[in-house]
Amino acid sequence: ADFMLKSYSKNYYKLVTHGPLDREEIPEYNIIVLATDRGKPPLSSRTNITLHIADVNDNAPVFQQPWYIVHVAENNPPGA
């Protein structure tokens, strides 16, 4: 599982990631949190959380050669 509930004080929990998340693998998570007590009959509550993963540039640029030699003319228009 990508997420887990962690107790951080009495009767309080955090929803935390189990590891790094990668938008290129899974861009969105739909998480359902369900809480049920031990009563007779048991009472419960649930909530849905939609988590959109933002992207970071985690891939360094790759070049075919260790260096390139080019000649650029002076006074070119912008974008040339």
PDB file of N, CA and C in Angstrom:
ATOM      1  N   ALA A   1       0.841  -1.191   0.000  1.00  0.00           N
ATOM      2  CA  ALA A   1       0.000   0.000   0.000  1.00  0.00           C
ATOM      3  C   ALA A   1       0.880   1.246   0.000  1.00  0.00           C
ATOM      4  N   ASP A   2       0.411   2.298  -0.658  1.00  0.00           N
ATOM      5  CA  ASP A   2       1.183   3.537  -0.743  1.00  0.00           C
ATOM      6  C   ASP A   2       0.967   4.453   0.463  1.00  0.00           C
ATOM      7  N   PHE A   3      -0.091   4.190   1.242  1.00  0.00           N
ATOM      8  CA  PHE A   3      -0.413   5.033   2.386  1.00  0.00           C
ATOM      9  C   PHE A   3      -0.643   4.160   3.613  1.00  0.00           C
ATOM     10  N   MET A   4      -0.481   4.763   4.784  1.00  0.00           N
ATOM     11  CA  MET A   4      -0.784   4.062   6.023  1.00  0.00           C
ATOM     12  C   MET A   4      -1.244   5.072   7.067  1.00  0.00           C
ATOM     13  N   LEU A   5      -1.998   4.572   8.034  1.00  0.00           N
ATOM     14  CA  LEU A   5      -2.423   5.393   9.164  1.00  0.00           C
ATOM     15  C   LEU A   5      -1.424   5.209  10.286  1.00  0.00           C
ATOM     16  N   LYS A   6      -0.955   6.311  10.866  1.00  0.00           N
ATOM     17  CA  LYS A   6      -0.006   6.273  11.964  1.00  0.00           C
ATOM     18  C   LYS A   6      -0.596   6.988  13.159  1.00  0.00           C
ATOM     19  N   SER A   7      -0.572   6.341  14.306  1.00  0.00           N
ATOM     20  CA  SER A   7      -1.033   6.974  15.532  1.00  0.00           C
ATOM     21  C   SER A   7       0.010   7.993  15.984  1.00  0.00           C
ATOM     22  N   TYR A   8      -0.445   9.207  16.307  1.00  0.00           N
ATOM     23  CA  TYR A   8       0.517  10.186  16.804  1.00  0.00           C
ATOM     24  C   TYR A   8       0.153  10.717  18.177  1.00  0.00           C
ATOM     25  N   SER A   9      -1.036  10.457  18.676  1.00  0.00           N
ATOM     26  CA  SER A   9      -1.402  10.690  20.064  1.00  0.00           C
ATOM     27  C   SER A   9      -2.724   9.958  20.297  1.00  0.00           C
ATOM     28  N   LYS A  10      -3.195   9.945  21.520  1.00  0.00           N
ATOM     29  CA  LYS A  10      -4.387   9.176  21.861  1.00  0.00           C
ATOM     30  C   LYS A  10      -5.571   9.575  20.974  1.00  0.00           C
ATOM     31  N   ASN A  11      -6.124   8.604  20.261  1.00  0.00           N
ATOM     32  CA  ASN A  11      -7.300   8.773  19.403  1.00  0.00           C
ATOM     33  C   ASN A  11      -7.061   9.670  18.181  1.00  0.00           C
ATOM     34  N   TYR A  12      -5.812   9.956  17.833  1.00  0.00           N
ATOM     35  CA  TYR A  12      -5.513  10.763  16.654  1.00  0.00           C
ATOM     36  C   TYR A  12      -4.536  10.000  15.759  1.00  0.00           C
ATOM     37  N   TYR A  13      -4.797  10.086  14.469  1.00  0.00           N
ATOM     38  CA  TYR A  13      -3.968   9.371  13.505  1.00  0.00           C
ATOM     39  C   TYR A  13      -3.596  10.309  12.361  1.00  0.00           C
ATOM     40  N   LYS A  14      -2.486   9.982  11.694  1.00  0.00           N
ATOM     41  CA  LYS A  14      -2.059  10.698  10.492  1.00  0.00           C
ATOM     42  C   LYS A  14      -2.125   9.733   9.325  1.00  0.00           C
ATOM     43  N   LEU A  15      -2.540  10.233   8.183  1.00  0.00           N
ATOM     44  CA  LEU A  15      -2.459   9.483   6.939  1.00  0.00           C
ATOM     45  C   LEU A  15      -1.146   9.891   6.285  1.00  0.00           C
ATOM     46  N   VAL A  16      -0.214   8.952   6.157  1.00  0.00           N
ATOM     47  CA  VAL A  16       1.118   9.275   5.638  1.00  0.00           C
ATOM     48  C   VAL A  16       1.448   8.363   4.461  1.00  0.00           C
ATOM     49  N   THR A  17       2.385   8.809   3.645  1.00  0.00           N
ATOM     50  CA  THR A  17       2.832   7.975   2.531  1.00  0.00           C
ATOM     51  C   THR A  17       3.792   6.924   3.061  1.00  0.00           C
ATOM     52  N   HIS A  18       3.769   5.770   2.421  1.00  0.00           N
ATOM     53  CA  HIS A  18       4.654   4.673   2.802  1.00  0.00           C
ATOM     54  C   HIS A  18       6.021   4.846   2.150  1.00  0.00           C
ATOM     55  N   GLY A  19       6.092   5.668   1.108  1.00  0.00           N
ATOM     56  CA  GLY A  19       7.340   5.917   0.381  1.00  0.00           C
ATOM     57  C   GLY A  19       7.120   7.053  -0.581  1.00  0.00           C
ATOM     58  N   PRO A  20       8.102   7.331  -1.427  1.00  0.00           N
ATOM     59  CA  PRO A  20       7.949   8.415  -2.396  1.00  0.00           C
ATOM     60  C   PRO A  20       6.849   8.111  -3.412  1.00  0.00           C
ATOM     61  N   LEU A  21       6.158   9.148  -3.865  1.00  0.00           N
ATOM     62  CA  LEU A  21       5.122   9.016  -4.878  1.00  0.00           C
ATOM     63  C   LEU A  21       5.644   9.595  -6.188  1.00  0.00           C
ATOM     64  N   ASP A  22       5.320   8.962  -7.301  1.00  0.00           N
ATOM     65  CA  ASP A  22       5.813   9.406  -8.609  1.00  0.00           C
ATOM     66  C   ASP A  22       4.626   9.659  -9.523  1.00  0.00           C
ATOM     67  N   ARG A  23       4.435  10.922  -9.934  1.00  0.00           N
ATOM     68  CA  ARG A  23       3.312  11.285 -10.785  1.00  0.00           C
ATOM     69  C   ARG A  23       3.327  10.533 -12.107  1.00  0.00           C
ATOM     70  N   GLU A  24       4.509  10.204 -12.604  1.00  0.00           N
ATOM     71  CA  GLU A  24       4.585   9.494 -13.877  1.00  0.00           C
ATOM     72  C   GLU A  24       4.060   8.065 -13.765  1.00  0.00           C
ATOM     73  N   GLU A  25       4.086   7.494 -12.575  1.00  0.00           N
ATOM     74  CA  GLU A  25       3.530   6.153 -12.363  1.00  0.00           C
ATOM     75  C   GLU A  25       2.042   6.226 -12.025  1.00  0.00           C
ATOM     76  N   ILE A  26       1.692   7.033 -11.036  1.00  0.00           N
ATOM     77  CA  ILE A  26       0.296   7.195 -10.613  1.00  0.00           C
ATOM     78  C   ILE A  26       0.064   8.681 -10.357  1.00  0.00           C
ATOM     79  N   PRO A  27      -0.712   9.359 -11.228  1.00  0.00           N
ATOM     80  CA  PRO A  27      -0.888  10.807 -11.082  1.00  0.00           C
ATOM     81  C   PRO A  27      -1.947  11.209 -10.052  1.00  0.00           C
ATOM     82  N   GLU A  28      -2.819  10.275  -9.654  1.00  0.00           N
ATOM     83  CA  GLU A  28      -3.923  10.625  -8.755  1.00  0.00           C
ATOM     84  C   GLU A  28      -4.287   9.417  -7.896  1.00  0.00           C
ATOM     85  N   TYR A  29      -4.587   9.685  -6.629  1.00  0.00           N
ATOM     86  CA  TYR A  29      -5.030   8.644  -5.708  1.00  0.00           C
ATOM     87  C   TYR A  29      -6.415   9.003  -5.193  1.00  0.00           C
ATOM     88  N   ASN A  30      -7.276   8.016  -5.097  1.00  0.00           N
ATOM     89  CA  ASN A  30      -8.572   8.163  -4.435  1.00  0.00           C
ATOM     90  C   ASN A  30      -8.503   7.327  -3.168  1.00  0.00           C
ATOM     91  N   ILE A  31      -8.485   8.003  -2.031  1.00  0.00           N
ATOM     92  CA  ILE A  31      -8.281   7.355  -0.736  1.00  0.00           C
ATOM     93  C   ILE A  31      -9.597   7.387   0.029  1.00  0.00           C
ATOM     94  N   ILE A  32      -9.993   6.244   0.566  1.00  0.00           N
ATOM     95  CA  ILE A  32     -11.193   6.152   1.400  1.00  0.00           C
ATOM     96  C   ILE A  32     -10.735   5.844   2.820  1.00  0.00           C
ATOM     97  N   VAL A  33     -11.123   6.700   3.764  1.00  0.00           N
ATOM     98  CA  VAL A  33     -10.834   6.463   5.172  1.00  0.00           C
ATOM     99  C   VAL A  33     -12.155   6.102   5.835  1.00  0.00           C
ATOM    100  N   LEU A  34     -12.192   4.911   6.439  1.00  0.00           N
ATOM    101  CA  LEU A  34     -13.398   4.403   7.087  1.00  0.00           C
ATOM    102  C   LEU A  34     -13.088   4.178   8.560  1.00  0.00           C
ATOM    103  N   ALA A  35     -13.888   4.757   9.440  1.00  0.00           N
ATOM    104  CA  ALA A  35     -13.736   4.576  10.888  1.00  0.00           C
ATOM    105  C   ALA A  35     -14.990   3.897  11.424  1.00  0.00           C
ATOM    106  N   THR A  36     -14.796   2.833  12.201  1.00  0.00           N
ATOM    107  CA  THR A  36     -15.907   2.080  12.786  1.00  0.00           C
ATOM    108  C   THR A  36     -15.619   1.853  14.264  1.00  0.00           C
ATOM    109  N   ASP A  37     -16.651   2.021  15.110  1.00  0.00           N
ATOM    110  CA  ASP A  37     -16.456   1.743  16.533  1.00  0.00           C
ATOM    111  C   ASP A  37     -16.865   0.302  16.845  1.00  0.00           C
ATOM    112  N   ARG A  38     -16.765  -0.078  18.107  1.00  0.00           N
ATOM    113  CA  ARG A  38     -17.078  -1.455  18.501  1.00  0.00           C
ATOM    114  C   ARG A  38     -18.435  -1.562  19.205  1.00  0.00           C
ATOM    115  N   GLY A  39     -19.286  -0.581  18.951  1.00  0.00           N
ATOM    116  CA  GLY A  39     -20.607  -0.594  19.583  1.00  0.00           C
ATOM    117  C   GLY A  39     -21.530  -1.635  18.971  1.00  0.00           C
ATOM    118  N   LYS A  40     -22.678  -1.807  19.594  1.00  0.00           N
ATOM    119  CA  LYS A  40     -23.702  -2.724  19.097  1.00  0.00           C
ATOM    120  C   LYS A  40     -24.968  -1.918  18.898  1.00  0.00           C
ATOM    121  N   PRO A  41     -25.390  -1.586  17.734  1.00  0.00           N
ATOM    122  CA  PRO A  41     -24.721  -1.832  16.451  1.00  0.00           C
ATOM    123  C   PRO A  41     -23.538  -0.887  16.277  1.00  0.00           C
ATOM    124  N   PRO A  42     -22.552  -1.280  15.490  1.00  0.00           N
ATOM    125  CA  PRO A  42     -21.386  -0.406  15.292  1.00  0.00           C
ATOM    126  C   PRO A  42     -21.757   0.834  14.481  1.00  0.00           C
ATOM    127  N   LEU A  43     -21.181   1.953  14.866  1.00  0.00           N
ATOM    128  CA  LEU A  43     -21.346   3.194  14.115  1.00  0.00           C
ATOM    129  C   LEU A  43     -20.104   3.398  13.269  1.00  0.00           C
ATOM    130  N   SER A  44     -20.286   4.028  12.128  1.00  0.00           N
ATOM    131  CA  SER A  44     -19.130   4.247  11.258  1.00  0.00           C
ATOM    132  C   SER A  44     -19.272   5.565  10.521  1.00  0.00           C
ATOM    133  N   SER A  45     -18.147   6.020  10.018  1.00  0.00           N
ATOM    134  CA  SER A  45     -18.101   7.219   9.210  1.00  0.00           C
ATOM    135  C   SER A  45     -16.988   7.024   8.178  1.00  0.00           C
ATOM    136  N   ARG A  46     -17.163   7.628   7.013  1.00  0.00           N
ATOM    137  CA  ARG A  46     -16.135   7.517   5.982  1.00  0.00           C
ATOM    138  C   ARG A  46     -15.973   8.841   5.274  1.00  0.00           C
ATOM    139  N   THR A  47     -14.809   9.016   4.714  1.00  0.00           N
ATOM    140  CA  THR A  47     -14.543  10.195   3.904  1.00  0.00           C
ATOM    141  C   THR A  47     -13.686   9.781   2.717  1.00  0.00           C
ATOM    142  N   ASN A  48     -13.871  10.461   1.612  1.00  0.00           N
ATOM    143  CA  ASN A  48     -13.074  10.220   0.412  1.00  0.00           C
ATOM    144  C   ASN A  48     -12.097  11.376   0.248  1.00  0.00           C
ATOM    145  N   ILE A  49     -10.862  11.052  -0.069  1.00  0.00           N
ATOM    146  CA  ILE A  49      -9.820  12.055  -0.299  1.00  0.00           C
ATOM    147  C   ILE A  49      -9.263  11.816  -1.695  1.00  0.00           C
ATOM    148  N   THR A  50      -9.284  12.839  -2.537  1.00  0.00           N
ATOM    149  CA  THR A  50      -8.655  12.752  -3.850  1.00  0.00           C
ATOM    150  C   THR A  50      -7.344  13.516  -3.774  1.00  0.00           C
ATOM    151  N   LEU A  51      -6.255  12.821  -4.060  1.00  0.00           N
ATOM    152  CA  LEU A  51      -4.918  13.403  -3.968  1.00  0.00           C
ATOM    153  C   LEU A  51      -4.319  13.471  -5.366  1.00  0.00           C
ATOM    154  N   HIS A  52      -4.042  14.696  -5.840  1.00  0.00           N
ATOM    155  CA  HIS A  52      -3.407  14.907  -7.144  1.00  0.00           C
ATOM    156  C   HIS A  52      -1.916  15.101  -6.903  1.00  0.00           C
ATOM    157  N   ILE A  53      -1.095  14.311  -7.569  1.00  0.00           N
ATOM    158  CA  ILE A  53       0.350  14.383  -7.391  1.00  0.00           C
ATOM    159  C   ILE A  53       0.926  15.406  -8.372  1.00  0.00           C
ATOM    160  N   ALA A  54       1.705  16.351  -7.854  1.00  0.00           N
ATOM    161  CA  ALA A  54       2.365  17.343  -8.700  1.00  0.00           C
ATOM    162  C   ALA A  54       3.669  16.747  -9.229  1.00  0.00           C
ATOM    163  N   ASP A  55       4.141  17.277 -10.339  1.00  0.00           N
ATOM    164  CA  ASP A  55       5.342  16.763 -10.964  1.00  0.00           C
ATOM    165  C   ASP A  55       6.547  17.615 -10.602  1.00  0.00           C
ATOM    166  N   VAL A  56       7.674  16.958 -10.437  1.00  0.00           N
ATOM    167  CA  VAL A  56       8.956  17.649 -10.307  1.00  0.00           C
ATOM    168  C   VAL A  56       9.866  17.085 -11.382  1.00  0.00           C
ATOM    169  N   ASN A  57      10.827  17.883 -11.813  1.00  0.00           N
ATOM    170  CA  ASN A  57      11.750  17.418 -12.832  1.00  0.00           C
ATOM    171  C   ASN A  57      12.779  16.508 -12.171  1.00  0.00           C
ATOM    172  N   ASP A  58      12.492  15.203 -12.179  1.00  0.00           N
ATOM    173  CA  ASP A  58      13.383  14.242 -11.534  1.00  0.00           C
ATOM    174  C   ASP A  58      14.262  13.497 -12.538  1.00  0.00           C
ATOM    175  N   ASN A  59      14.262  13.953 -13.792  1.00  0.00           N
ATOM    176  CA  ASN A  59      15.096  13.331 -14.822  1.00  0.00           C
ATOM    177  C   ASN A  59      16.098  14.355 -15.337  1.00  0.00           C
ATOM    178  N   ALA A  60      17.371  14.083 -15.098  1.00  0.00           N
ATOM    179  CA  ALA A  60      18.420  14.987 -15.569  1.00  0.00           C
ATOM    180  C   ALA A  60      18.496  14.934 -17.093  1.00  0.00           C
ATOM    181  N   PRO A  61      18.892  16.041 -17.738  1.00  0.00           N
ATOM    182  CA  PRO A  61      19.017  16.022 -19.196  1.00  0.00           C
ATOM    183  C   PRO A  61      20.105  15.031 -19.628  1.00  0.00           C
ATOM    184  N   VAL A  62      19.892  14.421 -20.785  1.00  0.00           N
ATOM    185  CA  VAL A  62      20.839  13.446 -21.325  1.00  0.00           C
ATOM    186  C   VAL A  62      21.303  13.942 -22.688  1.00  0.00           C
ATOM    187  N   PHE A  63      22.601  13.949 -22.899  1.00  0.00           N
ATOM    188  CA  PHE A  63      23.183  14.368 -24.169  1.00  0.00           C
ATOM    189  C   PHE A  63      23.915  13.189 -24.803  1.00  0.00           C
ATOM    190  N   GLN A  64      23.932  13.148 -26.119  1.00  0.00           N
ATOM    191  CA  GLN A  64      24.576  12.055 -26.833  1.00  0.00           C
ATOM    192  C   GLN A  64      26.103  12.170 -26.821  1.00  0.00           C
ATOM    193  N   GLN A  65      26.629  13.391 -26.692  1.00  0.00           N
ATOM    194  CA  GLN A  65      28.071  13.628 -26.688  1.00  0.00           C
ATOM    195  C   GLN A  65      28.451  14.377 -25.428  1.00  0.00           C
ATOM    196  N   PRO A  66      29.732  14.286 -25.008  1.00  0.00           N
ATOM    197  CA  PRO A  66      30.134  15.021 -23.804  1.00  0.00           C
ATOM    198  C   PRO A  66      30.226  16.523 -24.041  1.00  0.00           C
ATOM    199  N   TRP A  67      30.431  16.980 -25.311  1.00  0.00           N
ATOM    200  CA  TRP A  67      30.433  18.409 -25.633  1.00  0.00           C
ATOM    201  C   TRP A  67      30.061  18.611 -27.095  1.00  0.00           C
ATOM    202  N   TYR A  68      29.650  19.833 -27.390  1.00  0.00           N
ATOM    203  CA  TYR A  68      29.242  20.220 -28.743  1.00  0.00           C
ATOM    204  C   TYR A  68      29.949  21.514 -29.104  1.00  0.00           C
ATOM    205  N   ILE A  69      30.327  21.666 -30.371  1.00  0.00           N
ATOM    206  CA  ILE A  69      30.911  22.915 -30.860  1.00  0.00           C
ATOM    207  C   ILE A  69      29.948  23.485 -31.896  1.00  0.00           C
ATOM    208  N   VAL A  70      29.478  24.706 -31.646  1.00  0.00           N
ATOM    209  CA  VAL A  70      28.561  25.360 -32.581  1.00  0.00           C
ATOM    210  C   VAL A  70      29.035  26.790 -32.798  1.00  0.00           C
ATOM    211  N   HIS A  71      28.641  27.349 -33.921  1.00  0.00           N
ATOM    212  CA  HIS A  71      28.946  28.740 -34.219  1.00  0.00           C
ATOM    213  C   HIS A  71      27.613  29.477 -34.327  1.00  0.00           C
ATOM    214  N   VAL A  72      27.483  30.552 -33.570  1.00  0.00           N
ATOM    215  CA  VAL A  72      26.260  31.347 -33.557  1.00  0.00           C
ATOM    216  C   VAL A  72      26.611  32.731 -34.086  1.00  0.00           C
ATOM    217  N   ALA A  73      25.900  33.134 -35.115  1.00  0.00           N
ATOM    218  CA  ALA A  73      26.167  34.456 -35.701  1.00  0.00           C
ATOM    219  C   ALA A  73      25.726  35.550 -34.740  1.00  0.00           C
ATOM    220  N   GLU A  74      26.474  36.638 -34.752  1.00  0.00           N
ATOM    221  CA  GLU A  74      26.146  37.784 -33.914  1.00  0.00           C
ATOM    222  C   GLU A  74      24.884  38.478 -34.424  1.00  0.00           C
ATOM    223  N   ASN A  75      24.166  39.144 -33.531  1.00  0.00           N
ATOM    224  CA  ASN A  75      22.997  39.949 -33.858  1.00  0.00           C
ATOM    225  C   ASN A  75      21.862  39.146 -34.491  1.00  0.00           C
ATOM    226  N   ASN A  76      21.714  37.898 -34.110  1.00  0.00           N
ATOM    227  CA  ASN A  76      20.553  37.113 -34.558  1.00  0.00           C
ATOM    228  C   ASN A  76      19.303  37.660 -33.891  1.00  0.00           C
ATOM    229  N   PRO A  77      18.142  37.514 -34.546  1.00  0.00           N
ATOM    230  CA  PRO A  77      16.896  37.896 -33.876  1.00  0.00           C
ATOM    231  C   PRO A  77      16.625  36.949 -32.702  1.00  0.00           C
ATOM    232  N   PRO A  78      15.910  37.429 -31.679  1.00  0.00           N
ATOM    233  CA  PRO A  78      15.596  36.557 -30.542  1.00  0.00           C
ATOM    234  C   PRO A  78      14.919  35.272 -31.008  1.00  0.00           C
ATOM    235  N   GLY A  79      15.329  34.155 -30.412  1.00  0.00           N
ATOM    236  CA  GLY A  79      14.743  32.856 -30.748  1.00  0.00           C
ATOM    237  C   GLY A  79      15.427  32.149 -31.888  1.00  0.00           C
ATOM    238  N   ALA A  80      16.384  32.799 -32.551  1.00  0.00           N
ATOM    239  CA  ALA A  80      17.045  32.174 -33.696  1.00  0.00           C
ATOM    240  C   ALA A  80      17.978  31.070 -33.224  1.00  0.00           C
TER     241      ALA A  80
END
